Amino acid sequence: MPKLLIAFLLVFITSSIVAQTDTTSVLKLSTQPKSLKAESKFEANPFDANAPAKAAFYSAVLPGLGQAYNKSYWKIPLVYGAIGASTYFYIFNNNEYNRYRDAYKSRLAGFEDDEFFGVLTNENLIDAQKQFRQNKEYSLLFIIGFYILNIIDANVEAHLNQFNVSRDLSVSPQIIPNHITRKPEFNLTFNLKLN
């Protein structure tokens, strides 16, 4: 009896395998494809070793000119906004510093007709001078810092413009279902095509 049962199951199982339809058949094309090579949307620019130096020089001569050379036009308002705001605060703090310094000097000369007479003491005038001088110096440091950052940005942008971002260099993450464990597997593939 067990032999008959095993024989029946084997016949039944194999008949279901034979009864499956072939879903992997491929239709044949009547014409050959023109090209099997994937076309890249990125065109490789010829390497120009002087481009970063030119961009840095242009930004040093006129802030924002290096960004225009690199065709990063959206950065130009940021450059002028940062340098312009710092310049505004430098001028404002310089004017306030001169105002309090002149009032203090007139008090030392014996005059009592300054705009702060009766409102601020001499010590308050000295403290205000120190505060506005410190703010003026910070503003000058910000101007210099943004100017140098402008040059560095133009140089780095010119270097990165020459970086190869074609399809020959790619990283492709994939999620592959594992039918045995019924859990997804994560796959990370690095492709590097050398010519």
N, C-alpha and C. Protein backbone atom coordinates (compact mmCIF):
# COMPACT_ATOMS: atom_id res chain seq x y z
N MET A 1 0.81 -1.20 0.00
CA MET A 1 0.00 0.00 0.00
C MET A 1 0.86 1.26 0.00
N PRO A 2 1.92 1.37 0.83
CA PRO A 2 2.73 2.59 0.79
C PRO A 2 3.42 2.77 -0.57
N LYS A 3 3.78 1.67 -1.23
CA LYS A 3 4.43 1.81 -2.53
C LYS A 3 3.46 2.39 -3.55
N LEU A 4 2.21 1.98 -3.46
CA LEU A 4 1.21 2.49 -4.37
C LEU A 4 0.93 3.97 -4.11
N LEU A 5 0.91 4.36 -2.87
CA LEU A 5 0.69 5.76 -2.51
C LEU A 5 1.85 6.64 -2.99
N ILE A 6 3.07 6.17 -2.81
CA ILE A 6 4.24 6.93 -3.26
C ILE A 6 4.24 7.06 -4.78
N ALA A 7 3.91 6.00 -5.47
CA ALA A 7 3.86 6.04 -6.93
C ALA A 7 2.78 7.01 -7.39
N PHE A 8 1.62 6.98 -6.75
CA PHE A 8 0.54 7.89 -7.11
C PHE A 8 0.94 9.36 -6.90
N LEU A 9 1.59 9.65 -5.77
CA LEU A 9 2.03 11.02 -5.50
C LEU A 9 3.09 11.49 -6.50
N LEU A 10 4.02 10.62 -6.85
CA LEU A 10 5.04 11.00 -7.83
C LEU A 10 4.42 11.31 -9.19
N VAL A 11 3.47 10.51 -9.61
CA VAL A 11 2.80 10.76 -10.88
C VAL A 11 2.00 12.06 -10.81
N PHE A 12 1.32 12.26 -9.72
CA PHE A 12 0.51 13.47 -9.55
C PHE A 12 1.39 14.73 -9.54
N ILE A 13 2.52 14.71 -8.80
CA ILE A 13 3.41 15.87 -8.70
C ILE A 13 4.06 16.16 -10.04
N THR A 14 4.55 15.14 -10.72
CA THR A 14 5.22 15.38 -12.00
C THR A 14 4.24 15.82 -13.07
N SER A 15 3.01 15.40 -13.01
CA SER A 15 2.05 15.85 -14.01
C SER A 15 1.73 17.33 -13.84
N SER A 16 1.75 17.82 -12.62
CA SER A 16 1.49 19.25 -12.41
C SER A 16 2.67 20.08 -12.89
N ILE A 17 3.87 19.55 -12.82
CA ILE A 17 5.04 20.28 -13.32
C ILE A 17 4.98 20.38 -14.83
N VAL A 18 4.60 19.33 -15.48
CA VAL A 18 4.52 19.32 -16.94
C VAL A 18 3.39 20.23 -17.41
N ALA A 19 2.36 20.39 -16.61
CA ALA A 19 1.20 21.16 -17.02
C ALA A 19 1.42 22.67 -16.95
N GLN A 20 2.57 23.10 -16.45
CA GLN A 20 2.82 24.54 -16.35
C GLN A 20 3.10 25.13 -17.73
N THR A 21 2.68 26.38 -17.93
CA THR A 21 2.96 27.06 -19.20
C THR A 21 4.28 27.80 -19.09
N ASP A 22 4.94 27.93 -20.19
CA ASP A 22 6.25 28.60 -20.23
C ASP A 22 6.02 30.10 -20.31
N THR A 23 6.34 30.80 -19.23
CA THR A 23 6.17 32.26 -19.19
C THR A 23 7.46 32.99 -19.51
N THR A 24 8.53 32.25 -19.70
CA THR A 24 9.82 32.91 -19.97
C THR A 24 10.13 33.00 -21.45
N SER A 25 9.19 32.64 -22.30
CA SER A 25 9.46 32.73 -23.73
C SER A 25 9.55 34.19 -24.13
N VAL A 26 10.43 34.46 -25.06
CA VAL A 26 10.71 35.83 -25.48
C VAL A 26 10.30 35.99 -26.93
N LEU A 27 9.64 37.09 -27.22
CA LEU A 27 9.29 37.38 -28.60
C LEU A 27 10.53 37.81 -29.36
N LYS A 28 10.67 37.35 -30.57
CA LYS A 28 11.83 37.71 -31.39
C LYS A 28 11.49 38.97 -32.16
N LEU A 29 12.44 39.90 -32.19
CA LEU A 29 12.26 41.14 -32.93
C LEU A 29 12.55 40.90 -34.40
N SER A 30 11.76 41.53 -35.25
CA SER A 30 11.99 41.37 -36.69
C SER A 30 13.17 42.22 -37.15
N THR A 31 13.48 43.28 -36.43
CA THR A 31 14.62 44.13 -36.79
C THR A 31 15.61 44.14 -35.66
N GLN A 32 16.84 44.38 -35.98
CA GLN A 32 17.90 44.45 -34.99
C GLN A 32 17.87 45.84 -34.34
N PRO A 33 18.14 45.93 -33.06
CA PRO A 33 18.21 47.25 -32.43
C PRO A 33 19.38 48.05 -32.99
N LYS A 34 19.24 49.36 -33.02
CA LYS A 34 20.28 50.23 -33.57
C LYS A 34 21.54 50.19 -32.74
N SER A 35 21.38 50.28 -31.45
CA SER A 35 22.56 50.30 -30.59
C SER A 35 22.20 49.71 -29.24
N LEU A 36 23.08 48.91 -28.73
CA LEU A 36 22.86 48.34 -27.41
C LEU A 36 23.52 49.16 -26.33
N LYS A 37 24.33 50.12 -26.71
CA LYS A 37 25.05 50.94 -25.74
C LYS A 37 24.11 52.01 -25.19
N ALA A 38 24.08 52.12 -23.88
CA ALA A 38 23.24 53.14 -23.24
C ALA A 38 23.86 54.50 -23.47
N GLU A 39 23.04 55.43 -23.91
CA GLU A 39 23.55 56.77 -24.16
C GLU A 39 23.50 57.57 -22.87
N SER A 40 24.55 58.27 -22.61
CA SER A 40 24.66 59.06 -21.39
C SER A 40 24.15 60.47 -21.66
N LYS A 41 23.45 61.03 -20.70
CA LYS A 41 23.00 62.41 -20.82
C LYS A 41 24.11 63.39 -20.49
N PHE A 42 25.14 62.89 -19.85
CA PHE A 42 26.24 63.74 -19.44
C PHE A 42 27.34 63.69 -20.50
N GLU A 43 27.78 64.86 -20.92
CA GLU A 43 28.89 64.92 -21.85
C GLU A 43 30.15 65.23 -21.07
N ALA A 44 31.17 64.49 -21.37
CA ALA A 44 32.43 64.70 -20.67
C ALA A 44 33.11 65.94 -21.21
N ASN A 45 33.38 66.88 -20.34
CA ASN A 45 34.10 68.08 -20.73
C ASN A 45 35.58 67.78 -20.71
N PRO A 46 36.33 68.38 -21.61
CA PRO A 46 37.77 68.15 -21.55
C PRO A 46 38.34 68.74 -20.26
N PHE A 47 39.32 68.07 -19.70
CA PHE A 47 39.91 68.48 -18.44
C PHE A 47 40.71 69.75 -18.64
N ASP A 48 40.43 70.77 -17.86
CA ASP A 48 41.17 72.02 -17.91
C ASP A 48 41.79 72.24 -16.54
N ALA A 49 43.09 72.04 -16.46
CA ALA A 49 43.78 72.14 -15.17
C ALA A 49 43.80 73.56 -14.64
N ASN A 50 43.66 74.55 -15.50
CA ASN A 50 43.72 75.94 -15.06
C ASN A 50 42.36 76.48 -14.63
N ALA A 51 41.28 75.74 -14.83
CA ALA A 51 39.95 76.25 -14.50
C ALA A 51 39.79 76.62 -13.03
N PRO A 52 40.23 75.80 -12.07
CA PRO A 52 40.10 76.22 -10.67
C PRO A 52 40.90 77.48 -10.34
N ALA A 53 42.08 77.60 -10.92
CA ALA A 53 42.89 78.79 -10.66
C ALA A 53 42.24 80.03 -11.27
N LYS A 54 41.67 79.88 -12.47
CA LYS A 54 40.99 81.02 -13.11
C LYS A 54 39.79 81.45 -12.27
N ALA A 55 39.00 80.48 -11.82
CA ALA A 55 37.81 80.80 -11.03
C ALA A 55 38.20 81.50 -9.74
N ALA A 56 39.25 81.02 -9.08
CA ALA A 56 39.71 81.65 -7.84
C ALA A 56 40.22 83.06 -8.11
N PHE A 57 40.95 83.24 -9.20
CA PHE A 57 41.47 84.57 -9.55
C PHE A 57 40.33 85.53 -9.85
N TYR A 58 39.34 85.07 -10.62
CA TYR A 58 38.21 85.93 -10.95
C TYR A 58 37.44 86.34 -9.69
N SER A 59 37.28 85.41 -8.75
CA SER A 59 36.58 85.75 -7.51
C SER A 59 37.40 86.68 -6.64
N ALA A 60 38.72 86.59 -6.72
CA ALA A 60 39.57 87.49 -5.94
C ALA A 60 39.51 88.90 -6.51
N VAL A 61 39.44 89.02 -7.84
CA VAL A 61 39.38 90.34 -8.47
C VAL A 61 38.03 91.00 -8.20
N LEU A 62 36.95 90.26 -8.43
CA LEU A 62 35.60 90.79 -8.22
C LEU A 62 34.76 89.68 -7.61
N PRO A 63 34.32 89.84 -6.37
CA PRO A 63 33.52 88.77 -5.74
C PRO A 63 32.30 88.42 -6.59
N GLY A 64 32.10 87.13 -6.80
CA GLY A 64 30.99 86.65 -7.61
C GLY A 64 31.37 86.35 -9.04
N LEU A 65 32.49 86.88 -9.51
CA LEU A 65 32.90 86.65 -10.89
C LEU A 65 33.34 85.21 -11.10
N GLY A 66 33.94 84.60 -10.10
CA GLY A 66 34.31 83.19 -10.20
C GLY A 66 33.09 82.30 -10.26
N GLN A 67 32.02 82.67 -9.55
CA GLN A 67 30.79 81.90 -9.61
C GLN A 67 30.15 82.04 -11.00
N ALA A 68 30.26 83.22 -11.60
CA ALA A 68 29.75 83.40 -12.96
C ALA A 68 30.58 82.59 -13.94
N TYR A 69 31.89 82.52 -13.74
CA TYR A 69 32.77 81.72 -14.59
C TYR A 69 32.39 80.24 -14.50
N ASN A 70 31.99 79.79 -13.32
CA ASN A 70 31.59 78.39 -13.13
C ASN A 70 30.13 78.14 -13.51
N LYS A 71 29.43 79.18 -13.94
CA LYS A 71 28.01 79.11 -14.30
C LYS A 71 27.12 78.75 -13.11
N SER A 72 27.52 79.16 -11.92
CA SER A 72 26.70 79.01 -10.71
C SER A 72 26.11 80.38 -10.39
N TYR A 73 25.23 80.83 -11.27
CA TYR A 73 24.70 82.19 -11.16
C TYR A 73 23.87 82.41 -9.91
N TRP A 74 23.28 81.36 -9.37
CA TRP A 74 22.44 81.50 -8.19
C TRP A 74 23.25 81.86 -6.95
N LYS A 75 24.57 81.64 -6.97
CA LYS A 75 25.39 81.95 -5.81
C LYS A 75 25.81 83.42 -5.76
N ILE A 76 25.72 84.11 -6.87
CA ILE A 76 26.18 85.51 -6.92
C ILE A 76 25.39 86.39 -5.94
N PRO A 77 24.05 86.31 -5.88
CA PRO A 77 23.34 87.13 -4.88
C PRO A 77 23.71 86.76 -3.45
N LEU A 78 24.03 85.49 -3.20
CA LEU A 78 24.44 85.09 -1.85
C LEU A 78 25.77 85.73 -1.49
N VAL A 79 26.69 85.77 -2.44
CA VAL A 79 28.00 86.38 -2.18
C VAL A 79 27.82 87.86 -1.87
N TYR A 80 27.08 88.56 -2.73
CA TYR A 80 26.91 90.00 -2.51
C TYR A 80 26.04 90.29 -1.30
N GLY A 81 25.09 89.42 -1.00
CA GLY A 81 24.28 89.61 0.20
C GLY A 81 25.10 89.48 1.47
N ALA A 82 25.97 88.45 1.52
CA ALA A 82 26.80 88.24 2.71
C ALA A 82 27.81 89.36 2.89
N ILE A 83 28.51 89.71 1.82
CA ILE A 83 29.51 90.78 1.92
C ILE A 83 28.83 92.13 2.13
N GLY A 84 27.70 92.34 1.47
CA GLY A 84 26.98 93.61 1.62
C GLY A 84 26.41 93.81 3.01
N ALA A 85 25.84 92.76 3.60
CA ALA A 85 25.30 92.87 4.96
C ALA A 85 26.42 93.13 5.96
N SER A 86 27.54 92.45 5.78
CA SER A 86 28.67 92.68 6.69
C SER A 86 29.21 94.10 6.54
N THR A 87 29.25 94.60 5.32
CA THR A 87 29.70 95.98 5.09
C THR A 87 28.74 96.98 5.71
N TYR A 88 27.44 96.71 5.59
CA TYR A 88 26.45 97.59 6.21
C TYR A 88 26.66 97.67 7.72
N PHE A 89 26.82 96.52 8.37
CA PHE A 89 27.01 96.53 9.82
C PHE A 89 28.34 97.15 10.20
N TYR A 90 29.36 97.03 9.36
CA TYR A 90 30.64 97.69 9.63
C TYR A 90 30.46 99.21 9.61
N ILE A 91 29.78 99.71 8.59
CA ILE A 91 29.57 101.16 8.48
C ILE A 91 28.70 101.67 9.62
N PHE A 92 27.63 100.93 9.95
CA PHE A 92 26.74 101.34 11.04
C PHE A 92 27.51 101.40 12.36
N ASN A 93 28.25 100.35 12.69
CA ASN A 93 29.00 100.33 13.95
C ASN A 93 30.11 101.37 13.97
N ASN A 94 30.72 101.64 12.83
CA ASN A 94 31.75 102.67 12.76
C ASN A 94 31.15 104.05 13.03
N ASN A 95 29.99 104.34 12.45
CA ASN A 95 29.34 105.63 12.68
C ASN A 95 28.93 105.80 14.15
N GLU A 96 28.38 104.73 14.74
CA GLU A 96 27.99 104.80 16.15
C GLU A 96 29.22 104.95 17.05
N TYR A 97 30.29 104.25 16.72
CA TYR A 97 31.53 104.37 17.50
C TYR A 97 32.04 105.81 17.45
N ASN A 98 32.05 106.40 16.26
CA ASN A 98 32.51 107.79 16.12
C ASN A 98 31.59 108.76 16.86
N ARG A 99 30.30 108.48 16.86
CA ARG A 99 29.35 109.35 17.56
C ARG A 99 29.61 109.36 19.06
N TYR A 100 29.78 108.18 19.68
CA TYR A 100 30.04 108.11 21.11
C TYR A 100 31.44 108.62 21.44
N ARG A 101 32.41 108.38 20.56
CA ARG A 101 33.77 108.85 20.81
C ARG A 101 33.83 110.38 20.76
N ASP A 102 33.13 110.98 19.79
CA ASP A 102 33.11 112.45 19.71
C ASP A 102 32.44 113.07 20.93
N ALA A 103 31.36 112.44 21.41
CA ALA A 103 30.69 112.95 22.61
C ALA A 103 31.61 112.84 23.82
N TYR A 104 32.35 111.75 23.93
CA TYR A 104 33.28 111.58 25.05
C TYR A 104 34.43 112.59 24.97
N LYS A 105 34.94 112.82 23.75
CA LYS A 105 36.04 113.79 23.58
C LYS A 105 35.58 115.21 23.93
N SER A 106 34.35 115.54 23.55
CA SER A 106 33.85 116.89 23.87
C SER A 106 33.67 117.06 25.38
N ARG A 107 33.30 116.00 26.08
CA ARG A 107 33.19 116.09 27.54
C ARG A 107 34.57 116.24 28.18
N LEU A 108 35.56 115.54 27.63
CA LEU A 108 36.92 115.68 28.17
C LEU A 108 37.47 117.08 27.93
N ALA A 109 37.03 117.73 26.85
CA ALA A 109 37.47 119.09 26.55
C ALA A 109 36.73 120.13 27.39
N GLY A 110 35.72 119.71 28.13
CA GLY A 110 35.01 120.62 29.02
C GLY A 110 33.68 121.10 28.49
N PHE A 111 33.28 120.64 27.32
CA PHE A 111 31.99 121.05 26.76
C PHE A 111 30.88 120.18 27.35
N GLU A 112 29.71 120.79 27.51
CA GLU A 112 28.57 120.05 28.05
C GLU A 112 27.38 120.14 27.11
N ASP A 113 27.66 120.22 25.82
CA ASP A 113 26.58 120.37 24.85
C ASP A 113 26.42 119.16 23.92
N ASP A 114 26.98 118.00 24.29
CA ASP A 114 26.84 116.83 23.42
C ASP A 114 25.43 116.26 23.54
N GLU A 115 25.06 115.42 22.60
CA GLU A 115 23.69 114.89 22.54
C GLU A 115 23.36 113.92 23.67
N PHE A 116 24.38 113.41 24.36
CA PHE A 116 24.16 112.45 25.43
C PHE A 116 24.30 113.07 26.82
N PHE A 117 24.47 114.38 26.90
CA PHE A 117 24.68 115.02 28.19
C PHE A 117 23.41 114.89 29.03
N GLY A 118 23.57 114.43 30.25
CA GLY A 118 22.45 114.23 31.15
C GLY A 118 21.78 112.87 30.99
N VAL A 119 22.09 112.17 29.92
CA VAL A 119 21.50 110.86 29.67
C VAL A 119 22.50 109.75 30.01
N LEU A 120 23.75 109.92 29.54
CA LEU A 120 24.79 108.92 29.76
C LEU A 120 25.96 109.54 30.51
N THR A 121 26.55 108.75 31.37
CA THR A 121 27.75 109.20 32.08
C THR A 121 28.97 108.93 31.21
N ASN A 122 30.13 109.40 31.68
CA ASN A 122 31.38 109.16 30.94
C ASN A 122 31.68 107.67 30.83
N GLU A 123 31.39 106.93 31.89
CA GLU A 123 31.63 105.49 31.87
C GLU A 123 30.72 104.80 30.85
N ASN A 124 29.46 105.28 30.74
CA ASN A 124 28.55 104.72 29.74
C ASN A 124 29.04 105.01 28.33
N LEU A 125 29.61 106.19 28.12
CA LEU A 125 30.15 106.53 26.80
C LEU A 125 31.35 105.64 26.46
N ILE A 126 32.19 105.37 27.46
CA ILE A 126 33.35 104.50 27.23
C ILE A 126 32.88 103.08 26.91
N ASP A 127 31.88 102.59 27.66
CA ASP A 127 31.35 101.24 27.40
C ASP A 127 30.72 101.15 26.00
N ALA A 128 29.98 102.19 25.61
CA ALA A 128 29.36 102.19 24.28
C ALA A 128 30.43 102.19 23.19
N GLN A 129 31.51 102.97 23.40
CA GLN A 129 32.61 102.98 22.43
C GLN A 129 33.22 101.59 22.28
N LYS A 130 33.46 100.93 23.43
CA LYS A 130 34.06 99.59 23.39
C LYS A 130 33.14 98.61 22.65
N GLN A 131 31.84 98.69 22.94
CA GLN A 131 30.89 97.77 22.32
C GLN A 131 30.84 97.97 20.80
N PHE A 132 30.72 99.23 20.36
CA PHE A 132 30.62 99.48 18.92
C PHE A 132 31.95 99.21 18.21
N ARG A 133 33.07 99.43 18.88
CA ARG A 133 34.37 99.10 18.27
C ARG A 133 34.49 97.59 18.10
N GLN A 134 34.05 96.83 19.11
CA GLN A 134 34.10 95.37 19.00
C GLN A 134 33.19 94.88 17.87
N ASN A 135 31.97 95.43 17.78
CA ASN A 135 31.06 95.04 16.71
C ASN A 135 31.62 95.42 15.34
N LYS A 136 32.29 96.57 15.26
CA LYS A 136 32.91 97.01 14.01
C LYS A 136 34.01 96.03 13.59
N GLU A 137 34.81 95.59 14.55
CA GLU A 137 35.89 94.64 14.23
C GLU A 137 35.33 93.28 13.82
N TYR A 138 34.26 92.84 14.48
CA TYR A 138 33.63 91.58 14.07
C TYR A 138 33.07 91.69 12.65
N SER A 139 32.48 92.82 12.33
CA SER A 139 31.94 93.01 10.98
C SER A 139 33.05 92.98 9.94
N LEU A 140 34.19 93.56 10.27
CA LEU A 140 35.33 93.52 9.35
C LEU A 140 35.82 92.08 9.17
N LEU A 141 35.84 91.31 10.25
CA LEU A 141 36.23 89.90 10.13
C LEU A 141 35.24 89.13 9.27
N PHE A 142 33.95 89.44 9.39
CA PHE A 142 32.96 88.78 8.54
C PHE A 142 33.15 89.15 7.08
N ILE A 143 33.47 90.40 6.79
CA ILE A 143 33.72 90.82 5.40
C ILE A 143 34.88 90.01 4.83
N ILE A 144 35.98 89.95 5.57
CA ILE A 144 37.16 89.22 5.11
C ILE A 144 36.83 87.73 4.98
N GLY A 145 36.10 87.18 5.94
CA GLY A 145 35.75 85.76 5.90
C GLY A 145 34.87 85.41 4.71
N PHE A 146 33.85 86.24 4.42
CA PHE A 146 32.99 85.97 3.27
C PHE A 146 33.75 86.16 1.95
N TYR A 147 34.68 87.10 1.92
CA TYR A 147 35.50 87.30 0.71
C TYR A 147 36.35 86.06 0.45
N ILE A 148 36.99 85.54 1.49
CA ILE A 148 37.82 84.33 1.34
C ILE A 148 36.95 83.12 1.01
N LEU A 149 35.78 83.02 1.64
CA LEU A 149 34.86 81.92 1.35
C LEU A 149 34.39 81.96 -0.10
N ASN A 150 34.20 83.15 -0.63
CA ASN A 150 33.83 83.33 -2.03
C ASN A 150 34.91 82.76 -2.94
N ILE A 151 36.17 83.03 -2.64
CA ILE A 151 37.28 82.52 -3.45
C ILE A 151 37.37 81.00 -3.34
N ILE A 152 37.26 80.48 -2.13
CA ILE A 152 37.34 79.03 -1.93
C ILE A 152 36.18 78.33 -2.63
N ASP A 153 34.98 78.90 -2.55
CA ASP A 153 33.82 78.30 -3.21
C ASP A 153 34.01 78.23 -4.72
N ALA A 154 34.52 79.30 -5.32
CA ALA A 154 34.75 79.30 -6.76
C ALA A 154 35.78 78.24 -7.15
N ASN A 155 36.83 78.11 -6.35
CA ASN A 155 37.88 77.13 -6.64
C ASN A 155 37.33 75.71 -6.53
N VAL A 156 36.62 75.41 -5.46
CA VAL A 156 36.07 74.06 -5.26
C VAL A 156 35.03 73.74 -6.32
N GLU A 157 34.19 74.70 -6.65
CA GLU A 157 33.18 74.48 -7.69
C GLU A 157 33.83 74.17 -9.03
N ALA A 158 34.92 74.85 -9.37
CA ALA A 158 35.62 74.58 -10.62
C ALA A 158 36.24 73.18 -10.61
N HIS A 159 36.74 72.75 -9.46
CA HIS A 159 37.26 71.38 -9.36
C HIS A 159 36.14 70.36 -9.55
N LEU A 160 34.98 70.61 -8.92
CA LEU A 160 33.89 69.64 -8.99
C LEU A 160 33.19 69.64 -10.35
N ASN A 161 33.29 70.74 -11.11
CA ASN A 161 32.72 70.75 -12.45
C ASN A 161 33.41 69.74 -13.35
N GLN A 162 34.67 69.44 -13.07
CA GLN A 162 35.42 68.50 -13.89
C GLN A 162 35.27 67.06 -13.40
N PHE A 163 34.50 66.85 -12.37
CA PHE A 163 34.32 65.51 -11.82
C PHE A 163 33.43 64.69 -12.75
N ASN A 164 33.78 63.44 -12.98
CA ASN A 164 33.06 62.58 -13.90
C ASN A 164 31.82 62.01 -13.22
N VAL A 165 30.65 62.32 -13.77
CA VAL A 165 29.40 61.81 -13.23
C VAL A 165 28.62 61.05 -14.31
N SER A 166 29.33 60.30 -15.15
CA SER A 166 28.68 59.55 -16.21
C SER A 166 28.06 58.27 -15.65
N ARG A 167 27.37 57.53 -16.52
CA ARG A 167 26.74 56.29 -16.09
C ARG A 167 27.77 55.18 -15.88
N ASP A 168 29.00 55.40 -16.34
CA ASP A 168 30.04 54.39 -16.14
C ASP A 168 30.42 54.28 -14.67
N LEU A 169 30.14 55.31 -13.90
CA LEU A 169 30.37 55.28 -12.45
C LEU A 169 29.00 55.27 -11.79
N SER A 170 28.67 54.20 -11.11
CA SER A 170 27.34 54.18 -10.50
C SER A 170 27.33 53.32 -9.25
N VAL A 171 26.41 53.68 -8.38
CA VAL A 171 26.10 52.90 -7.18
C VAL A 171 24.61 52.63 -7.25
N SER A 172 24.24 51.36 -7.21
CA SER A 172 22.81 51.05 -7.33
C SER A 172 22.35 50.20 -6.15
N PRO A 173 21.57 50.79 -5.26
CA PRO A 173 21.00 49.99 -4.17
C PRO A 173 19.79 49.21 -4.68
N GLN A 174 19.62 48.00 -4.18
CA GLN A 174 18.51 47.16 -4.60
C GLN A 174 17.94 46.43 -3.38
N ILE A 175 16.65 46.13 -3.46
CA ILE A 175 16.01 45.29 -2.45
C ILE A 175 15.56 44.02 -3.18
N ILE A 176 16.10 42.89 -2.75
CA ILE A 176 15.82 41.62 -3.41
C ILE A 176 15.03 40.75 -2.44
N PRO A 177 13.88 40.21 -2.87
CA PRO A 177 13.13 39.32 -1.97
C PRO A 177 13.80 37.95 -1.90
N ASN A 178 13.95 37.45 -0.70
CA ASN A 178 14.49 36.11 -0.49
C ASN A 178 13.30 35.19 -0.28
N HIS A 179 13.11 34.24 -1.21
CA HIS A 179 11.93 33.38 -1.15
C HIS A 179 12.06 32.29 -0.09
N ILE A 180 13.26 32.03 0.36
CA ILE A 180 13.44 30.98 1.36
C ILE A 180 13.12 31.52 2.75
N THR A 181 13.71 32.66 3.11
CA THR A 181 13.47 33.23 4.44
C THR A 181 12.29 34.17 4.47
N ARG A 182 11.76 34.52 3.32
CA ARG A 182 10.63 35.45 3.18
C ARG A 182 10.92 36.81 3.81
N LYS A 183 12.18 37.22 3.71
CA LYS A 183 12.59 38.54 4.18
C LYS A 183 13.33 39.23 3.05
N PRO A 184 13.23 40.55 2.98
CA PRO A 184 13.97 41.25 1.92
C PRO A 184 15.46 41.31 2.25
N GLU A 185 16.26 41.26 1.20
CA GLU A 185 17.70 41.41 1.34
C GLU A 185 18.11 42.70 0.65
N PHE A 186 19.04 43.39 1.25
CA PHE A 186 19.51 44.65 0.70
C PHE A 186 20.83 44.41 -0.02
N ASN A 187 20.93 44.97 -1.21
CA ASN A 187 22.10 44.77 -2.04
C ASN A 187 22.61 46.13 -2.50
N LEU A 188 23.90 46.34 -2.44
CA LEU A 188 24.50 47.58 -2.90
C LEU A 188 25.58 47.22 -3.90
N THR A 189 25.42 47.69 -5.14
CA THR A 189 26.34 47.33 -6.21
C THR A 189 27.12 48.56 -6.66
N PHE A 190 28.42 48.42 -6.74
CA PHE A 190 29.29 49.47 -7.25
C PHE A 190 29.74 49.06 -8.65
N ASN A 191 29.48 49.91 -9.63
CA ASN A 191 29.90 49.63 -11.00
C ASN A 191 30.93 50.66 -11.42
N LEU A 192 32.02 50.20 -11.96
CA LEU A 192 33.07 51.07 -12.46
C LEU A 192 33.48 50.53 -13.81
N LYS A 193 33.22 51.30 -14.86
CA LYS A 193 33.53 50.85 -16.21
C LYS A 193 34.77 51.59 -16.67
N LEU A 194 35.82 50.85 -16.92
CA LEU A 194 37.07 51.43 -17.37
C LEU A 194 37.20 51.27 -18.87
N ASN A 195 37.60 52.32 -19.54
CA ASN A 195 37.78 52.26 -21.00
C ASN A 195 39.22 52.00 -21.33
